[in-house]
């Protein structure tokens, strides 16, 4: 089992017929379906444990959101492995996390 964290921003608008709430819940469901434990207390942040490959989890999260308007950043807690997807407004994140991979 590996522990990951995921932070995200869901645009407060309907995208391709899917509401904010729909995409928000779809993202949480994507994590819950792939996790044995999770922590959802903070806003827009999920800490979770999973046996699945990080890339597979990131791909499931990409399907849950609207990448044209939403975004997420996910990192494996004890490794230099991270994925970002969606509407990234500030590319400095790639300077801060040089091993970050864009989906």
N, C-alpha and C. Protein backbone atom coordinates (compact mmCIF):
# COMPACT_ATOMS: atom_id res chain seq x y z
N UNK A 1 0.84 -1.19 0.00
CA UNK A 1 0.00 0.00 0.00
C UNK A 1 0.88 1.24 0.00
N UNK A 2 0.44 2.23 -0.75
CA UNK A 2 1.16 3.49 -0.86
C UNK A 2 0.21 4.63 -0.47
N UNK A 3 0.76 5.61 0.23
CA UNK A 3 -0.04 6.77 0.62
C UNK A 3 0.19 7.89 -0.40
N UNK A 4 -0.89 8.52 -0.81
CA UNK A 4 -0.88 9.62 -1.78
C UNK A 4 -1.59 10.81 -1.19
N UNK A 5 -1.31 11.99 -1.74
CA UNK A 5 -2.17 13.15 -1.47
C UNK A 5 -2.59 13.74 -2.80
N UNK A 6 -3.75 14.36 -2.77
CA UNK A 6 -4.32 14.96 -3.96
C UNK A 6 -4.97 16.28 -3.56
N UNK A 7 -4.62 17.33 -4.25
CA UNK A 7 -5.29 18.61 -4.07
C UNK A 7 -5.92 18.98 -5.41
N UNK A 8 -7.01 19.71 -5.37
CA UNK A 8 -7.75 19.94 -6.60
C UNK A 8 -8.54 21.24 -6.55
N UNK A 9 -8.95 21.68 -7.76
CA UNK A 9 -9.83 22.83 -7.91
C UNK A 9 -10.89 22.44 -8.94
N UNK A 10 -12.13 22.52 -8.54
CA UNK A 10 -13.25 22.24 -9.44
C UNK A 10 -13.93 23.58 -9.75
N UNK A 11 -14.06 23.90 -11.04
CA UNK A 11 -14.68 25.17 -11.44
C UNK A 11 -16.17 25.15 -11.07
N UNK A 12 -16.64 26.27 -10.57
CA UNK A 12 -18.03 26.39 -10.15
C UNK A 12 -18.91 26.73 -11.35
N UNK A 13 -19.01 25.76 -12.25
CA UNK A 13 -19.83 25.92 -13.45
C UNK A 13 -20.11 24.54 -14.05
N UNK A 14 -21.10 24.50 -14.89
CA UNK A 14 -21.44 23.27 -15.61
C UNK A 14 -20.49 23.15 -16.81
N UNK A 15 -19.90 21.97 -16.98
CA UNK A 15 -18.99 21.72 -18.10
C UNK A 15 -19.42 20.42 -18.76
N UNK A 16 -19.71 20.49 -20.04
CA UNK A 16 -20.14 19.32 -20.81
C UNK A 16 -21.32 18.60 -20.13
N UNK A 17 -22.22 19.40 -19.57
CA UNK A 17 -23.41 18.85 -18.93
C UNK A 17 -23.21 18.35 -17.51
N UNK A 18 -21.98 18.42 -17.00
CA UNK A 18 -21.70 17.94 -15.64
C UNK A 18 -21.52 19.12 -14.70
N UNK A 19 -22.27 19.13 -13.61
CA UNK A 19 -22.22 20.23 -12.65
C UNK A 19 -20.96 20.14 -11.79
N UNK A 20 -20.71 21.22 -11.06
CA UNK A 20 -19.62 21.25 -10.07
C UNK A 20 -19.78 20.07 -9.10
N UNK A 21 -20.98 19.93 -8.55
CA UNK A 21 -21.22 18.87 -7.56
C UNK A 21 -20.98 17.49 -8.15
N UNK A 22 -21.42 17.27 -9.36
CA UNK A 22 -21.23 15.97 -10.01
C UNK A 22 -19.74 15.65 -10.13
N UNK A 23 -18.94 16.61 -10.61
CA UNK A 23 -17.51 16.38 -10.80
C UNK A 23 -16.79 16.24 -9.46
N UNK A 24 -17.19 17.02 -8.48
CA UNK A 24 -16.63 16.94 -7.13
C UNK A 24 -16.84 15.53 -6.56
N UNK A 25 -18.06 15.06 -6.63
CA UNK A 25 -18.37 13.73 -6.10
C UNK A 25 -17.72 12.63 -6.93
N UNK A 26 -17.63 12.81 -8.24
CA UNK A 26 -16.98 11.82 -9.10
C UNK A 26 -15.51 11.69 -8.76
N UNK A 27 -14.86 12.80 -8.43
CA UNK A 27 -13.46 12.76 -8.04
C UNK A 27 -13.29 12.01 -6.71
N UNK A 28 -14.12 12.35 -5.74
CA UNK A 28 -14.07 11.63 -4.46
C UNK A 28 -14.36 10.14 -4.66
N UNK A 29 -15.33 9.82 -5.49
CA UNK A 29 -15.66 8.41 -5.77
C UNK A 29 -14.50 7.69 -6.44
N UNK A 30 -13.80 8.37 -7.34
CA UNK A 30 -12.64 7.76 -8.01
C UNK A 30 -11.57 7.39 -6.99
N UNK A 31 -11.38 8.22 -5.99
CA UNK A 31 -10.40 7.93 -4.94
C UNK A 31 -10.91 6.81 -4.03
N UNK A 32 -12.14 6.91 -3.59
CA UNK A 32 -12.70 5.88 -2.70
C UNK A 32 -12.68 4.49 -3.34
N UNK A 33 -12.94 4.42 -4.64
CA UNK A 33 -12.98 3.13 -5.34
C UNK A 33 -11.60 2.49 -5.43
N UNK A 34 -10.55 3.28 -5.24
CA UNK A 34 -9.19 2.78 -5.39
C UNK A 34 -8.42 2.79 -4.08
N UNK A 35 -9.09 3.06 -2.97
CA UNK A 35 -8.43 3.25 -1.69
C UNK A 35 -8.92 2.30 -0.62
N UNK A 36 -8.06 2.08 0.35
CA UNK A 36 -8.45 1.31 1.53
C UNK A 36 -8.73 2.24 2.70
N UNK A 37 -8.07 3.41 2.70
CA UNK A 37 -8.27 4.43 3.74
C UNK A 37 -8.16 5.78 3.08
N UNK A 38 -8.90 6.76 3.59
CA UNK A 38 -8.79 8.12 3.08
C UNK A 38 -9.15 9.11 4.17
N UNK A 39 -8.67 10.34 3.98
CA UNK A 39 -8.93 11.44 4.90
C UNK A 39 -9.40 12.62 4.06
N UNK A 40 -10.62 13.10 4.32
CA UNK A 40 -11.26 14.13 3.52
C UNK A 40 -11.57 15.40 4.31
N UNK A 41 -11.01 15.57 5.49
CA UNK A 41 -11.38 16.71 6.34
C UNK A 41 -11.09 18.08 5.71
N UNK A 42 -9.91 18.32 5.14
CA UNK A 42 -9.67 19.65 4.58
C UNK A 42 -10.46 19.87 3.29
N UNK A 43 -10.62 21.11 2.93
CA UNK A 43 -11.27 21.46 1.67
C UNK A 43 -10.29 21.25 0.52
N UNK A 44 -10.71 20.60 -0.53
CA UNK A 44 -9.93 20.44 -1.76
C UNK A 44 -8.62 19.67 -1.55
N UNK A 45 -8.60 18.76 -0.61
CA UNK A 45 -7.41 17.95 -0.33
C UNK A 45 -7.86 16.57 0.14
N UNK A 46 -7.22 15.53 -0.39
CA UNK A 46 -7.52 14.16 0.01
C UNK A 46 -6.20 13.44 0.28
N UNK A 47 -6.10 12.81 1.40
CA UNK A 47 -4.98 11.93 1.73
C UNK A 47 -5.53 10.52 1.71
N UNK A 48 -4.86 9.61 0.97
CA UNK A 48 -5.43 8.28 0.84
C UNK A 48 -4.35 7.22 0.63
N UNK A 49 -4.73 5.98 0.93
CA UNK A 49 -3.86 4.82 0.77
C UNK A 49 -4.43 3.95 -0.33
N UNK A 50 -3.55 3.44 -1.20
CA UNK A 50 -4.03 2.61 -2.31
C UNK A 50 -2.95 1.63 -2.74
N UNK A 51 -3.38 0.49 -3.23
CA UNK A 51 -2.47 -0.50 -3.81
C UNK A 51 -2.32 -0.29 -5.31
N UNK A 52 -3.16 0.54 -5.91
CA UNK A 52 -3.11 0.78 -7.36
C UNK A 52 -1.94 1.68 -7.73
N UNK A 53 -1.50 1.57 -8.96
CA UNK A 53 -0.42 2.42 -9.47
C UNK A 53 -0.88 3.87 -9.52
N UNK A 54 0.03 4.77 -9.19
CA UNK A 54 -0.30 6.19 -9.15
C UNK A 54 -0.83 6.68 -10.50
N UNK A 55 -0.25 6.22 -11.59
CA UNK A 55 -0.70 6.66 -12.91
C UNK A 55 -2.14 6.22 -13.17
N UNK A 56 -2.51 5.02 -12.75
CA UNK A 56 -3.89 4.56 -12.91
C UNK A 56 -4.86 5.40 -12.10
N UNK A 57 -4.46 5.77 -10.90
CA UNK A 57 -5.31 6.63 -10.06
C UNK A 57 -5.46 8.00 -10.70
N UNK A 58 -4.36 8.55 -11.18
CA UNK A 58 -4.40 9.87 -11.83
C UNK A 58 -5.29 9.85 -13.06
N UNK A 59 -5.22 8.79 -13.83
CA UNK A 59 -6.09 8.68 -15.01
C UNK A 59 -7.56 8.63 -14.62
N UNK A 60 -7.89 7.91 -13.55
CA UNK A 60 -9.27 7.85 -13.07
C UNK A 60 -9.73 9.23 -12.60
N UNK A 61 -8.85 9.97 -11.96
CA UNK A 61 -9.19 11.33 -11.52
C UNK A 61 -9.40 12.24 -12.71
N UNK A 62 -8.60 12.09 -13.75
CA UNK A 62 -8.77 12.90 -14.97
C UNK A 62 -10.14 12.66 -15.58
N UNK A 63 -10.61 11.42 -15.54
CA UNK A 63 -11.94 11.10 -16.07
C UNK A 63 -13.06 11.72 -15.23
N UNK A 64 -12.80 11.92 -13.94
CA UNK A 64 -13.82 12.44 -13.04
C UNK A 64 -14.03 13.95 -13.18
N UNK A 65 -12.98 14.66 -13.59
CA UNK A 65 -13.07 16.12 -13.67
C UNK A 65 -13.28 16.58 -15.12
N UNK A 66 -13.34 17.88 -15.30
CA UNK A 66 -13.37 18.49 -16.63
C UNK A 66 -12.02 19.20 -16.80
N UNK A 67 -11.02 18.54 -17.39
CA UNK A 67 -9.68 19.13 -17.47
C UNK A 67 -9.62 20.49 -18.16
N UNK A 68 -10.61 20.82 -18.95
CA UNK A 68 -10.62 22.14 -19.59
C UNK A 68 -10.87 23.26 -18.58
N UNK A 69 -11.45 22.93 -17.42
CA UNK A 69 -11.80 23.94 -16.41
C UNK A 69 -11.30 23.60 -15.01
N UNK A 70 -11.15 22.33 -14.69
CA UNK A 70 -10.74 21.87 -13.36
C UNK A 70 -9.26 21.48 -13.37
N UNK A 71 -8.71 21.19 -12.20
CA UNK A 71 -7.35 20.68 -12.14
C UNK A 71 -7.13 19.90 -10.86
N UNK A 72 -6.11 19.02 -10.89
CA UNK A 72 -5.67 18.35 -9.67
C UNK A 72 -4.16 18.15 -9.73
N UNK A 73 -3.59 18.03 -8.55
CA UNK A 73 -2.19 17.70 -8.36
C UNK A 73 -2.15 16.54 -7.39
N UNK A 74 -1.51 15.45 -7.78
CA UNK A 74 -1.44 14.26 -6.94
C UNK A 74 0.02 13.84 -6.77
N UNK A 75 0.39 13.48 -5.56
CA UNK A 75 1.76 13.04 -5.28
C UNK A 75 1.75 11.79 -4.42
N UNK A 76 2.69 10.91 -4.70
CA UNK A 76 2.93 9.76 -3.83
C UNK A 76 3.75 10.29 -2.66
N UNK A 77 3.32 10.02 -1.45
CA UNK A 77 3.87 10.66 -0.26
C UNK A 77 5.36 10.37 -0.06
N UNK A 78 5.79 9.15 -0.24
CA UNK A 78 7.18 8.81 0.08
C UNK A 78 8.08 8.62 -1.14
N UNK A 79 7.65 9.11 -2.30
CA UNK A 79 8.44 9.01 -3.53
C UNK A 79 8.37 10.32 -4.29
N UNK A 80 9.34 10.54 -5.14
CA UNK A 80 9.30 11.71 -6.01
C UNK A 80 8.52 11.34 -7.27
N UNK A 81 7.22 11.20 -7.10
CA UNK A 81 6.32 10.86 -8.19
C UNK A 81 5.05 11.69 -8.02
N UNK A 82 4.75 12.51 -9.03
CA UNK A 82 3.59 13.39 -8.94
C UNK A 82 3.01 13.61 -10.34
N UNK A 83 1.69 13.82 -10.37
CA UNK A 83 0.97 14.08 -11.62
C UNK A 83 0.11 15.31 -11.45
N UNK A 84 0.00 16.07 -12.54
CA UNK A 84 -0.88 17.22 -12.56
C UNK A 84 -1.73 17.13 -13.82
N UNK A 85 -2.96 17.59 -13.71
CA UNK A 85 -3.87 17.49 -14.85
C UNK A 85 -4.84 18.66 -14.81
N UNK A 86 -5.15 19.21 -15.98
CA UNK A 86 -6.22 20.18 -16.07
C UNK A 86 -5.77 21.58 -16.40
N UNK A 87 -6.61 22.53 -15.99
CA UNK A 87 -6.42 23.95 -16.28
C UNK A 87 -5.42 24.55 -15.31
N UNK A 88 -4.14 24.46 -15.67
CA UNK A 88 -3.06 24.96 -14.82
C UNK A 88 -2.82 26.42 -15.18
N UNK A 89 -2.97 27.29 -14.21
CA UNK A 89 -2.85 28.73 -14.46
C UNK A 89 -1.45 29.27 -14.19
N UNK A 90 -0.65 28.54 -13.42
CA UNK A 90 0.68 29.03 -13.04
C UNK A 90 1.68 27.89 -13.23
N UNK A 91 2.56 28.03 -14.21
CA UNK A 91 3.54 26.98 -14.51
C UNK A 91 4.68 26.90 -13.51
N UNK A 92 4.72 27.78 -12.51
CA UNK A 92 5.77 27.70 -11.48
C UNK A 92 5.73 26.38 -10.74
N UNK A 93 4.61 25.71 -10.76
CA UNK A 93 4.51 24.41 -10.09
C UNK A 93 5.55 23.44 -10.65
N UNK A 94 5.89 23.57 -11.92
CA UNK A 94 6.89 22.68 -12.54
C UNK A 94 8.30 23.02 -12.07
N UNK A 95 8.54 24.26 -11.68
CA UNK A 95 9.83 24.65 -11.11
C UNK A 95 9.94 24.16 -9.66
N UNK A 96 8.82 24.20 -8.96
CA UNK A 96 8.81 23.78 -7.56
C UNK A 96 8.87 22.26 -7.40
N UNK A 97 8.29 21.55 -8.37
CA UNK A 97 8.28 20.07 -8.35
C UNK A 97 8.87 19.61 -9.69
N UNK A 98 10.19 19.53 -9.80
CA UNK A 98 10.82 19.23 -11.09
C UNK A 98 10.47 17.85 -11.66
N UNK A 99 10.05 16.92 -10.83
CA UNK A 99 9.70 15.57 -11.29
C UNK A 99 8.21 15.45 -11.65
N UNK A 100 7.46 16.53 -11.61
CA UNK A 100 6.04 16.54 -11.88
C UNK A 100 5.75 16.18 -13.34
N UNK A 101 4.79 15.28 -13.53
CA UNK A 101 4.39 14.85 -14.88
C UNK A 101 2.99 15.36 -15.17
N UNK A 102 2.81 15.92 -16.36
CA UNK A 102 1.51 16.43 -16.77
C UNK A 102 0.76 15.34 -17.52
N UNK A 103 -0.53 15.16 -17.15
CA UNK A 103 -1.38 14.19 -17.86
C UNK A 103 -2.14 14.88 -18.96
